[in-house]
């Protein structure tokens, strides 16, 4: 057994018996959740490098990790996975599954794509959500003699 999902509303823990599990409403799934708001093939759970990951399979009601809706992500021990509106505490031991050292960084591609090119180039301040801030955008009316003036440049 690789770990288990403990229903937060009560009920029997669901054992994670394989390294890759299909979760959904269909009887052919590895973990069958018989709820109307769970899609036929809702999400996939997999063990990679000793850590558990969840990936939404374009389900109607999505998945959440610790209350945040996401298409995919790493589940650390004690995290909450919500499949549609059904929540489970994740219990497993990364060390027992072969993890060595600190957990790997979260999905770097999502972090990169979530920030504007201008902000990544240092031409625009990023707000707390990682998007560019409107207050520091280039203003062509400040562009004397065709030269680009960046926020903070002296005139």
N, C-alpha and C. Protein backbone atom coordinates (compact mmCIF):
# COMPACT_ATOMS: atom_id res chain seq x y z
N UNK A 1 0.85 -1.18 0.00
CA UNK A 1 0.00 0.00 0.00
C UNK A 1 0.89 1.25 0.00
N UNK A 2 0.50 2.25 -0.82
CA UNK A 2 1.31 3.46 -0.97
C UNK A 2 0.84 4.61 -0.10
N UNK A 3 -0.31 4.48 0.49
CA UNK A 3 -0.88 5.52 1.34
C UNK A 3 -2.39 5.36 1.36
N UNK A 4 -3.07 6.40 1.82
CA UNK A 4 -4.53 6.33 1.83
C UNK A 4 -5.15 7.72 1.79
N UNK A 5 -6.40 7.75 1.37
CA UNK A 5 -7.22 8.96 1.39
C UNK A 5 -8.23 8.77 2.51
N UNK A 6 -8.23 9.69 3.48
CA UNK A 6 -9.13 9.60 4.61
C UNK A 6 -10.27 10.61 4.40
N UNK A 7 -11.52 10.13 4.22
CA UNK A 7 -12.64 11.04 4.00
C UNK A 7 -12.82 12.00 5.18
N UNK A 8 -12.90 13.31 4.90
CA UNK A 8 -13.04 14.29 5.98
C UNK A 8 -14.44 14.28 6.58
N UNK A 9 -15.42 13.79 5.84
CA UNK A 9 -16.77 13.73 6.36
C UNK A 9 -17.05 12.44 7.11
N UNK A 10 -16.04 11.62 7.31
CA UNK A 10 -16.22 10.33 7.95
C UNK A 10 -16.30 9.22 6.92
N UNK A 11 -16.03 8.03 7.34
CA UNK A 11 -16.06 6.88 6.45
C UNK A 11 -14.73 6.16 6.46
N UNK A 12 -14.69 5.06 5.74
CA UNK A 12 -13.49 4.22 5.70
C UNK A 12 -12.42 4.85 4.83
N UNK A 13 -11.15 4.76 5.25
CA UNK A 13 -10.04 5.24 4.42
C UNK A 13 -9.99 4.46 3.11
N UNK A 14 -9.54 5.14 2.06
CA UNK A 14 -9.40 4.52 0.75
C UNK A 14 -7.92 4.23 0.53
N UNK A 15 -7.54 2.95 0.43
CA UNK A 15 -6.11 2.63 0.24
C UNK A 15 -5.64 2.97 -1.17
N UNK A 16 -4.40 3.44 -1.26
CA UNK A 16 -3.76 3.71 -2.55
C UNK A 16 -2.90 2.49 -2.85
N UNK A 17 -3.41 1.59 -3.69
CA UNK A 17 -2.81 0.27 -3.89
C UNK A 17 -1.84 0.19 -5.06
N UNK A 18 -1.84 1.21 -5.93
CA UNK A 18 -0.94 1.21 -7.09
C UNK A 18 -0.27 2.57 -7.20
N UNK A 19 0.81 2.62 -8.03
CA UNK A 19 1.52 3.88 -8.23
C UNK A 19 0.74 4.85 -9.12
N UNK A 20 -0.20 4.35 -9.89
CA UNK A 20 -1.01 5.20 -10.77
C UNK A 20 -2.45 4.73 -10.64
N UNK A 21 -3.34 5.67 -10.24
CA UNK A 21 -4.72 5.33 -9.97
C UNK A 21 -5.67 6.28 -10.70
N UNK A 22 -6.70 5.71 -11.29
CA UNK A 22 -7.75 6.50 -11.93
C UNK A 22 -8.90 6.63 -10.94
N UNK A 23 -9.34 7.87 -10.71
CA UNK A 23 -10.43 8.16 -9.77
C UNK A 23 -11.62 8.67 -10.56
N UNK A 24 -12.79 8.09 -10.29
CA UNK A 24 -13.99 8.55 -10.98
C UNK A 24 -15.21 7.77 -10.56
N UNK A 25 -16.30 8.04 -11.26
CA UNK A 25 -17.60 7.43 -10.94
C UNK A 25 -17.76 6.06 -11.60
N UNK A 26 -17.05 5.79 -12.69
CA UNK A 26 -17.19 4.52 -13.42
C UNK A 26 -16.63 3.36 -12.62
N UNK A 27 -17.26 2.23 -12.77
CA UNK A 27 -16.82 1.01 -12.08
C UNK A 27 -15.44 0.55 -12.53
N UNK A 28 -15.01 0.97 -13.72
CA UNK A 28 -13.70 0.58 -14.24
C UNK A 28 -12.55 1.37 -13.60
N UNK A 29 -12.86 2.40 -12.81
CA UNK A 29 -11.82 3.20 -12.15
C UNK A 29 -11.19 2.42 -11.00
N UNK A 30 -9.96 2.78 -10.66
CA UNK A 30 -9.27 2.16 -9.52
C UNK A 30 -9.91 2.58 -8.21
N UNK A 31 -10.29 3.85 -8.12
CA UNK A 31 -11.01 4.37 -6.95
C UNK A 31 -12.36 4.87 -7.46
N UNK A 32 -13.43 4.19 -7.06
CA UNK A 32 -14.77 4.52 -7.53
C UNK A 32 -15.46 5.39 -6.48
N UNK A 33 -15.85 6.59 -6.89
CA UNK A 33 -16.61 7.51 -6.04
C UNK A 33 -18.00 7.63 -6.63
N UNK A 34 -18.96 7.02 -5.99
CA UNK A 34 -20.33 6.96 -6.53
C UNK A 34 -21.14 8.20 -6.14
N UNK A 35 -20.77 9.33 -6.71
CA UNK A 35 -21.47 10.59 -6.46
C UNK A 35 -21.80 11.21 -7.82
N UNK A 36 -22.99 11.81 -7.92
CA UNK A 36 -23.43 12.41 -9.18
C UNK A 36 -22.51 13.53 -9.66
N UNK A 37 -21.85 14.26 -8.74
CA UNK A 37 -21.01 15.38 -9.16
C UNK A 37 -19.56 14.98 -9.46
N UNK A 38 -19.26 13.68 -9.39
CA UNK A 38 -17.94 13.17 -9.75
C UNK A 38 -18.03 12.67 -11.19
N UNK A 39 -17.08 13.10 -12.04
CA UNK A 39 -17.08 12.69 -13.44
C UNK A 39 -16.72 11.22 -13.58
N UNK A 40 -17.06 10.64 -14.74
CA UNK A 40 -16.77 9.23 -15.00
C UNK A 40 -15.28 8.94 -14.80
N UNK A 41 -14.42 9.76 -15.38
CA UNK A 41 -12.97 9.70 -15.18
C UNK A 41 -12.58 11.08 -14.68
N UNK A 42 -12.52 11.25 -13.38
CA UNK A 42 -12.39 12.59 -12.77
C UNK A 42 -10.94 13.05 -12.68
N UNK A 43 -10.08 12.23 -12.08
CA UNK A 43 -8.68 12.63 -11.92
C UNK A 43 -7.79 11.40 -11.85
N UNK A 44 -6.50 11.68 -11.90
CA UNK A 44 -5.50 10.63 -11.80
C UNK A 44 -4.60 10.94 -10.62
N UNK A 45 -4.27 9.93 -9.85
CA UNK A 45 -3.28 10.04 -8.77
C UNK A 45 -2.08 9.20 -9.17
N UNK A 46 -0.88 9.74 -8.94
CA UNK A 46 0.32 8.96 -9.28
C UNK A 46 1.44 9.26 -8.30
N UNK A 47 2.27 8.27 -8.08
CA UNK A 47 3.46 8.42 -7.26
C UNK A 47 4.63 8.64 -8.21
N UNK A 48 5.39 9.71 -7.96
CA UNK A 48 6.56 10.01 -8.78
C UNK A 48 7.66 10.54 -7.86
N UNK A 49 8.79 9.86 -7.84
CA UNK A 49 9.91 10.28 -7.00
C UNK A 49 9.58 10.26 -5.51
N UNK A 50 8.64 9.41 -5.11
CA UNK A 50 8.27 9.30 -3.71
C UNK A 50 7.16 10.24 -3.28
N UNK A 51 6.67 11.09 -4.19
CA UNK A 51 5.60 12.05 -3.87
C UNK A 51 4.35 11.73 -4.66
N UNK A 52 3.21 12.09 -4.08
CA UNK A 52 1.91 11.85 -4.70
C UNK A 52 1.48 13.10 -5.46
N UNK A 53 1.03 12.91 -6.68
CA UNK A 53 0.56 14.00 -7.52
C UNK A 53 -0.87 13.70 -7.98
N UNK A 54 -1.66 14.75 -8.15
CA UNK A 54 -3.03 14.63 -8.66
C UNK A 54 -3.12 15.45 -9.94
N UNK A 55 -3.89 14.93 -10.91
CA UNK A 55 -4.11 15.65 -12.17
C UNK A 55 -5.58 15.51 -12.55
N UNK A 56 -6.23 16.65 -12.75
CA UNK A 56 -7.63 16.66 -13.18
C UNK A 56 -7.70 16.18 -14.63
N UNK A 57 -8.69 15.37 -14.93
CA UNK A 57 -8.85 14.84 -16.29
C UNK A 57 -9.99 15.56 -17.02
N UNK A 58 -9.96 16.88 -16.98
CA UNK A 58 -10.97 17.74 -17.60
C UNK A 58 -12.36 17.40 -17.08
N UNK A 59 -12.43 17.19 -15.78
CA UNK A 59 -13.70 16.86 -15.14
C UNK A 59 -14.61 18.08 -15.09
N UNK A 60 -15.87 17.84 -14.88
CA UNK A 60 -16.85 18.93 -14.82
C UNK A 60 -16.67 19.78 -13.57
N UNK A 61 -16.38 19.16 -12.42
CA UNK A 61 -16.31 19.88 -11.16
C UNK A 61 -14.90 20.03 -10.59
N UNK A 62 -13.89 19.56 -11.28
CA UNK A 62 -12.50 19.82 -10.94
C UNK A 62 -12.01 19.19 -9.65
N UNK A 63 -10.75 19.51 -9.34
CA UNK A 63 -10.12 19.08 -8.09
C UNK A 63 -9.56 20.31 -7.38
N UNK A 64 -9.42 20.18 -6.07
CA UNK A 64 -8.78 21.22 -5.27
C UNK A 64 -7.72 20.57 -4.40
N UNK A 65 -6.63 21.28 -4.23
CA UNK A 65 -5.58 20.87 -3.29
C UNK A 65 -5.52 21.95 -2.23
N UNK A 66 -5.80 21.57 -1.00
CA UNK A 66 -5.86 22.50 0.13
C UNK A 66 -6.78 23.68 -0.15
N UNK A 67 -7.93 23.39 -0.77
CA UNK A 67 -8.94 24.41 -1.01
C UNK A 67 -8.74 25.26 -2.24
N UNK A 68 -7.68 25.03 -3.01
CA UNK A 68 -7.39 25.82 -4.20
C UNK A 68 -7.59 24.95 -5.45
N UNK A 69 -8.50 25.41 -6.33
CA UNK A 69 -8.75 24.65 -7.56
C UNK A 69 -7.51 24.70 -8.43
N UNK A 70 -7.14 23.54 -8.98
CA UNK A 70 -5.93 23.42 -9.77
C UNK A 70 -6.08 22.30 -10.79
N UNK A 71 -5.41 22.42 -11.94
CA UNK A 71 -5.46 21.31 -12.90
C UNK A 71 -4.57 20.14 -12.47
N UNK A 72 -3.53 20.44 -11.68
CA UNK A 72 -2.63 19.39 -11.20
C UNK A 72 -1.77 19.93 -10.07
N UNK A 73 -1.14 19.04 -9.34
CA UNK A 73 -0.24 19.49 -8.28
C UNK A 73 0.20 18.36 -7.38
N UNK A 74 1.22 18.66 -6.59
CA UNK A 74 1.77 17.69 -5.64
C UNK A 74 0.94 17.71 -4.37
N UNK A 75 0.71 16.53 -3.82
CA UNK A 75 0.01 16.38 -2.55
C UNK A 75 1.02 15.94 -1.51
N UNK A 76 1.24 16.77 -0.51
CA UNK A 76 2.14 16.40 0.58
C UNK A 76 1.34 15.70 1.67
N UNK A 77 2.00 14.92 2.53
CA UNK A 77 1.27 14.26 3.62
C UNK A 77 0.49 15.28 4.45
N UNK A 78 -0.78 14.98 4.72
CA UNK A 78 -1.63 15.87 5.49
C UNK A 78 -2.41 16.86 4.66
N UNK A 79 -2.09 16.99 3.37
CA UNK A 79 -2.84 17.89 2.48
C UNK A 79 -4.26 17.38 2.29
N UNK A 80 -5.12 18.28 1.82
CA UNK A 80 -6.50 17.92 1.53
C UNK A 80 -6.70 17.90 0.02
N UNK A 81 -7.24 16.79 -0.48
CA UNK A 81 -7.61 16.67 -1.89
C UNK A 81 -9.13 16.66 -1.95
N UNK A 82 -9.68 17.57 -2.75
CA UNK A 82 -11.13 17.58 -2.96
C UNK A 82 -11.41 17.16 -4.39
N UNK A 83 -12.25 16.14 -4.52
CA UNK A 83 -12.70 15.65 -5.81
C UNK A 83 -14.16 16.08 -5.90
N UNK A 84 -14.45 17.03 -6.79
CA UNK A 84 -15.74 17.71 -6.80
C UNK A 84 -15.91 18.34 -5.42
N UNK A 85 -16.92 17.99 -4.65
CA UNK A 85 -17.11 18.57 -3.31
C UNK A 85 -16.75 17.59 -2.19
N UNK A 86 -16.07 16.49 -2.53
CA UNK A 86 -15.76 15.44 -1.57
C UNK A 86 -14.28 15.54 -1.19
N UNK A 87 -14.00 15.78 0.09
CA UNK A 87 -12.64 16.08 0.55
C UNK A 87 -12.03 14.91 1.31
N UNK A 88 -10.73 14.74 1.09
CA UNK A 88 -9.97 13.65 1.69
C UNK A 88 -8.63 14.18 2.20
N UNK A 89 -8.21 13.71 3.38
CA UNK A 89 -6.87 14.01 3.88
C UNK A 89 -5.94 12.95 3.30
N UNK A 90 -4.82 13.39 2.76
CA UNK A 90 -3.86 12.49 2.13
C UNK A 90 -2.85 12.03 3.18
N UNK A 91 -2.70 10.73 3.31
CA UNK A 91 -1.73 10.18 4.26
C UNK A 91 -0.81 9.21 3.53
N UNK A 92 0.48 9.53 3.57
CA UNK A 92 1.51 8.64 3.03
C UNK A 92 2.86 9.12 3.52
N UNK A 93 3.88 8.32 3.31
CA UNK A 93 5.23 8.67 3.74
C UNK A 93 6.15 8.75 2.52
N UNK A 94 6.56 9.96 2.13
CA UNK A 94 7.46 10.08 0.98
C UNK A 94 8.74 9.27 1.15
N UNK A 95 9.30 9.24 2.35
CA UNK A 95 10.54 8.49 2.59
C UNK A 95 10.33 7.01 2.31
N UNK A 96 9.19 6.47 2.74
CA UNK A 96 8.89 5.06 2.49
C UNK A 96 8.69 4.76 1.01
N UNK A 97 8.34 5.78 0.24
CA UNK A 97 8.12 5.60 -1.20
C UNK A 97 9.34 5.96 -2.03
N UNK A 98 10.47 6.23 -1.38
CA UNK A 98 11.72 6.46 -2.09
C UNK A 98 12.12 7.90 -2.28
N UNK A 99 11.43 8.85 -1.65
CA UNK A 99 11.81 10.26 -1.78
C UNK A 99 13.12 10.51 -1.05
N UNK A 100 13.99 11.30 -1.66
CA UNK A 100 15.27 11.66 -1.07
C UNK A 100 15.39 13.18 -1.10
N UNK A 101 15.73 13.77 0.03
CA UNK A 101 15.90 15.22 0.07
C UNK A 101 14.58 15.96 0.13
N UNK A 102 14.63 17.28 -0.09
CA UNK A 102 13.41 18.10 -0.01
C UNK A 102 12.48 17.80 -1.19
N UNK A 103 11.21 18.16 -1.05
CA UNK A 103 10.27 17.94 -2.16
C UNK A 103 10.68 18.74 -3.38
N UNK A 104 10.38 18.23 -4.58
CA UNK A 104 10.72 18.98 -5.79
C UNK A 104 9.89 20.26 -5.88
N UNK A 105 10.39 21.23 -6.62
CA UNK A 105 9.68 22.50 -6.82
C UNK A 105 8.36 22.23 -7.52
N UNK A 106 7.38 23.09 -7.25
CA UNK A 106 6.09 22.97 -7.91
C UNK A 106 6.28 23.17 -9.41
N UNK A 107 5.22 22.96 -10.16
CA UNK A 107 5.23 23.03 -11.60
C UNK A 107 5.81 24.37 -12.08
N UNK A 108 7.04 24.36 -12.55
CA UNK A 108 7.74 25.58 -12.98
C UNK A 108 7.10 26.21 -14.21
N UNK A 109 6.53 25.36 -15.10
CA UNK A 109 5.90 25.89 -16.31
C UNK A 109 4.73 26.79 -15.95
N UNK A 110 3.89 26.39 -14.99
CA UNK A 110 2.75 27.20 -14.61
C UNK A 110 3.22 28.51 -14.00
N UNK A 111 4.30 28.47 -13.22
CA UNK A 111 4.84 29.69 -12.61
C UNK A 111 5.33 30.65 -13.69
N UNK A 112 6.01 30.13 -14.69
CA UNK A 112 6.54 30.97 -15.76
C UNK A 112 5.40 31.53 -16.60
N UNK A 113 4.44 30.70 -16.97
CA UNK A 113 3.35 31.17 -17.83
C UNK A 113 2.38 32.07 -17.10
N UNK A 114 2.40 32.07 -15.76
CA UNK A 114 1.49 32.90 -14.99
C UNK A 114 1.99 34.32 -14.80
N UNK A 115 3.18 34.64 -15.32
CA UNK A 115 3.76 35.97 -15.19
C UNK A 115 3.95 36.56 -16.59
N UNK A 116 3.65 37.84 -16.75
CA UNK A 116 3.79 38.45 -18.07
C UNK A 116 5.26 38.53 -18.47
N UNK A 117 5.49 38.60 -19.77
CA UNK A 117 6.86 38.73 -20.28
C UNK A 117 7.52 40.01 -19.78
N UNK A 118 6.75 41.10 -19.73
CA UNK A 118 7.30 42.36 -19.25
C UNK A 118 7.75 42.26 -17.79
N UNK A 119 6.95 41.59 -16.96
CA UNK A 119 7.32 41.45 -15.55
C UNK A 119 8.55 40.57 -15.41
N UNK A 120 8.61 39.48 -16.19
CA UNK A 120 9.78 38.59 -16.11
C UNK A 120 11.04 39.29 -16.59
N UNK A 121 10.90 40.25 -17.52
CA UNK A 121 12.05 41.00 -18.02
C UNK A 121 12.42 42.17 -17.12
N UNK A 122 11.63 42.38 -16.07
CA UNK A 122 11.91 43.47 -15.15
C UNK A 122 11.40 44.82 -15.63
N UNK A 123 10.56 44.82 -16.67
CA UNK A 123 10.03 46.07 -17.21
C UNK A 123 8.68 46.44 -16.61
N UNK A 124 8.17 45.58 -15.77
CA UNK A 124 6.86 45.79 -15.18
C UNK A 124 6.86 45.11 -13.81
N UNK A 125 6.35 45.80 -12.82
CA UNK A 125 6.27 45.21 -11.50
C UNK A 125 5.19 44.14 -11.50
N UNK A 126 5.44 43.04 -10.78
CA UNK A 126 4.43 41.98 -10.66
C UNK A 126 3.66 42.19 -9.38
N UNK A 127 2.32 42.01 -9.45
CA UNK A 127 1.53 42.10 -8.23
C UNK A 127 1.62 40.78 -7.48
N UNK A 128 0.93 40.66 -6.36
CA UNK A 128 1.04 39.47 -5.53
C UNK A 128 0.54 38.22 -6.23
N UNK A 129 -0.29 38.33 -7.25
CA UNK A 129 -0.79 37.16 -7.98
C UNK A 129 0.15 36.78 -9.12
N UNK A 130 1.25 37.53 -9.32
CA UNK A 130 2.20 37.19 -10.35
C UNK A 130 1.90 37.84 -11.69
N UNK A 131 0.84 38.61 -11.77
CA UNK A 131 0.49 39.28 -13.02
C UNK A 131 1.09 40.68 -13.00
N UNK A 132 1.21 41.24 -14.16
CA UNK A 132 1.77 42.58 -14.24
C UNK A 132 0.86 43.61 -13.62
N UNK A 133 1.44 44.62 -13.04
CA UNK A 133 0.67 45.71 -12.43
C UNK A 133 0.44 46.80 -13.45
N UNK A 134 -0.76 47.31 -13.53
CA UNK A 134 -1.08 48.35 -14.50
C UNK A 134 -0.35 49.67 -14.22
N UNK A 135 -0.05 49.92 -12.96
CA UNK A 135 0.52 51.22 -12.60
C UNK A 135 1.93 51.44 -13.14
N UNK A 136 2.63 50.39 -13.54
CA UNK A 136 4.00 50.58 -13.99
C UNK A 136 4.16 50.24 -15.47
N UNK A 137 3.09 50.22 -16.23
CA UNK A 137 3.19 49.91 -17.65
C UNK A 137 3.81 51.06 -18.42
N UNK A 138 4.39 50.75 -19.55
CA UNK A 138 4.98 51.75 -20.43
C UNK A 138 3.90 52.71 -20.92
N UNK A 139 4.20 53.99 -20.86
CA UNK A 139 3.26 55.02 -21.30
C UNK A 139 3.89 55.77 -22.47
N UNK A 140 3.35 55.59 -23.69
CA UNK A 140 3.96 56.23 -24.86
C UNK A 140 3.93 57.76 -24.79
N UNK A 141 3.05 58.36 -23.98
CA UNK A 141 3.02 59.82 -23.88
C UNK A 141 4.24 60.34 -23.13
N UNK A 142 4.93 59.49 -22.39
CA UNK A 142 6.15 59.89 -21.69
C UNK A 142 7.39 59.62 -22.53
N UNK A 143 7.22 59.17 -23.74
CA UNK A 143 8.33 58.75 -24.58
C UNK A 143 8.82 59.91 -25.44
N UNK A 144 9.68 60.75 -24.88
CA UNK A 144 10.22 61.89 -25.61
C UNK A 144 11.30 61.42 -26.56
N UNK A 145 11.30 61.95 -27.77
CA UNK A 145 12.31 61.67 -28.80
C UNK A 145 12.39 60.19 -29.15
N UNK A 146 11.29 59.46 -29.00
CA UNK A 146 11.24 58.07 -29.43
C UNK A 146 11.99 57.10 -28.54
N UNK A 147 12.43 57.54 -27.38
CA UNK A 147 13.14 56.63 -26.48
C UNK A 147 12.19 56.10 -25.43
N UNK A 148 12.37 54.86 -25.10
CA UNK A 148 11.51 54.22 -24.11
C UNK A 148 11.99 54.61 -22.72
N UNK A 149 11.09 55.07 -21.92
CA UNK A 149 11.41 55.40 -20.54
C UNK A 149 10.77 54.34 -19.66
N UNK A 150 11.56 53.76 -18.82
CA UNK A 150 11.08 52.75 -17.91
C UNK A 150 10.75 53.37 -16.56
N UNK A 151 9.84 52.74 -15.82
CA UNK A 151 9.54 53.26 -14.48
C UNK A 151 10.83 53.38 -13.68
N UNK A 152 11.03 54.49 -13.06
CA UNK A 152 12.23 54.70 -12.25
C UNK A 152 13.37 55.39 -13.00
N UNK A 153 13.28 55.53 -14.35
CA UNK A 153 14.29 56.23 -15.12
C UNK A 153 14.24 57.72 -14.80
N UNK A 154 15.42 58.35 -14.74
CA UNK A 154 15.47 59.81 -14.55
C UNK A 154 15.33 60.50 -15.89
N UNK A 155 14.66 61.66 -15.88
CA UNK A 155 14.41 62.41 -17.12
C UNK A 155 15.58 63.29 -17.43
